[in-house]
Amino acid sequence: MPAPTTPAPAPAEQTKPVNPLNPKGLKPCCACPVTKSARDDCFIKYNSDEAAVKCADLIDQHKACMRGYGFKV
């Protein structure tokens, strides 16, 4: 008769590391809706040549917001 065996311990539940800048795990598309919307509206308003200049501040604000969540832009 074989000796009784003890069950193997359950594997430790692996948790995904949490970014302290983005604890909710937001995706880049959803992280900064206000600055993204303002930037996109500016691009719609101006043609591509003008948009690069006229929307520069909005682009910088959106980049700063994204960096605030830990995204590398």
Protein backbone atom coordinates (compact mmCIF):
# COMPACT_ATOMS: atom_id res chain seq x y z
CA MET A 1 0.00 0.00 0.00
CA PRO A 2 1.55 3.34 -1.02
CA ALA A 3 2.24 5.91 1.62
CA PRO A 4 -0.23 8.80 1.75
CA THR A 5 1.01 11.83 -0.11
CA THR A 6 0.45 15.40 0.79
CA PRO A 7 -1.03 17.60 -1.90
CA ALA A 8 1.36 19.94 -3.62
CA PRO A 9 1.02 23.52 -2.46
CA ALA A 10 -1.04 25.69 -4.77
CA PRO A 11 1.11 27.90 -6.97
CA ALA A 12 1.32 31.44 -5.71
CA GLU A 13 -1.03 33.69 -7.59
CA GLN A 14 1.07 35.89 -9.82
CA THR A 15 0.05 39.49 -9.76
CA LYS A 16 0.94 41.98 -12.42
CA PRO A 17 3.22 44.71 -11.08
CA VAL A 18 1.37 47.98 -10.54
CA ASN A 19 2.73 51.20 -11.99
CA PRO A 20 2.50 53.74 -9.14
CA LEU A 21 1.85 56.50 -11.70
CA ASN A 22 -1.01 54.51 -13.23
CA PRO A 23 -2.47 52.24 -10.52
CA LYS A 24 -5.74 51.75 -12.44
CA GLY A 25 -3.83 50.36 -15.43
CA LEU A 26 -5.27 52.81 -17.94
CA LYS A 27 -4.37 52.18 -21.56
CA PRO A 28 -2.78 55.03 -23.55
CA CYS A 29 -5.98 55.57 -25.51
CA CYS A 30 -7.96 56.28 -22.34
CA ALA A 31 -5.44 58.00 -20.07
CA CYS A 32 -5.87 61.70 -20.92
CA PRO A 33 -9.24 62.26 -22.60
CA VAL A 34 -9.37 66.04 -22.03
CA THR A 35 -5.97 66.85 -23.53
CA LYS A 36 -6.44 64.25 -26.27
CA SER A 37 -9.77 65.75 -27.31
CA ALA A 38 -8.39 69.31 -27.37
CA ARG A 39 -5.39 68.18 -29.40
CA ASP A 40 -7.55 66.25 -31.86
CA ASP A 41 -9.99 69.16 -32.28
CA CYS A 42 -7.06 71.43 -33.09
CA PHE A 43 -5.80 69.02 -35.74
CA ILE A 44 -9.27 68.92 -37.30
CA LYS A 45 -9.48 72.71 -37.35
CA TYR A 46 -6.17 73.33 -39.15
CA ASN A 47 -4.49 71.73 -42.14
CA SER A 48 -1.42 69.62 -41.50
CA ASP A 49 1.07 72.43 -42.17
CA GLU A 50 -0.61 74.83 -39.74
CA ALA A 51 -1.49 72.22 -37.14
CA ALA A 52 2.12 71.45 -36.28
CA VAL A 53 2.59 75.08 -35.23
CA LYS A 54 -0.85 76.09 -33.96
CA CYS A 55 -1.42 72.91 -31.95
CA ALA A 56 2.07 72.67 -30.43
CA ASP A 57 0.95 73.76 -26.94
CA LEU A 58 -1.89 71.23 -26.94
CA ILE A 59 0.47 68.50 -28.11
CA ASP A 60 2.89 69.35 -25.30
CA GLN A 61 0.07 69.34 -22.73
CA HIS A 62 -1.09 65.92 -23.91
CA LYS A 63 2.46 64.55 -23.80
CA ALA A 64 2.89 65.89 -20.26
CA CYS A 65 -0.36 64.24 -19.20
CA MET A 66 0.69 60.92 -20.73
CA ARG A 67 4.08 61.08 -19.02
CA GLY A 68 2.26 61.75 -15.75
CA TYR A 69 0.74 58.27 -16.10
CA GLY A 70 4.15 56.76 -16.82
CA PHE A 71 3.80 56.40 -20.59
CA LYS A 72 6.96 56.98 -22.61
CA VAL A 73 6.10 59.47 -25.34
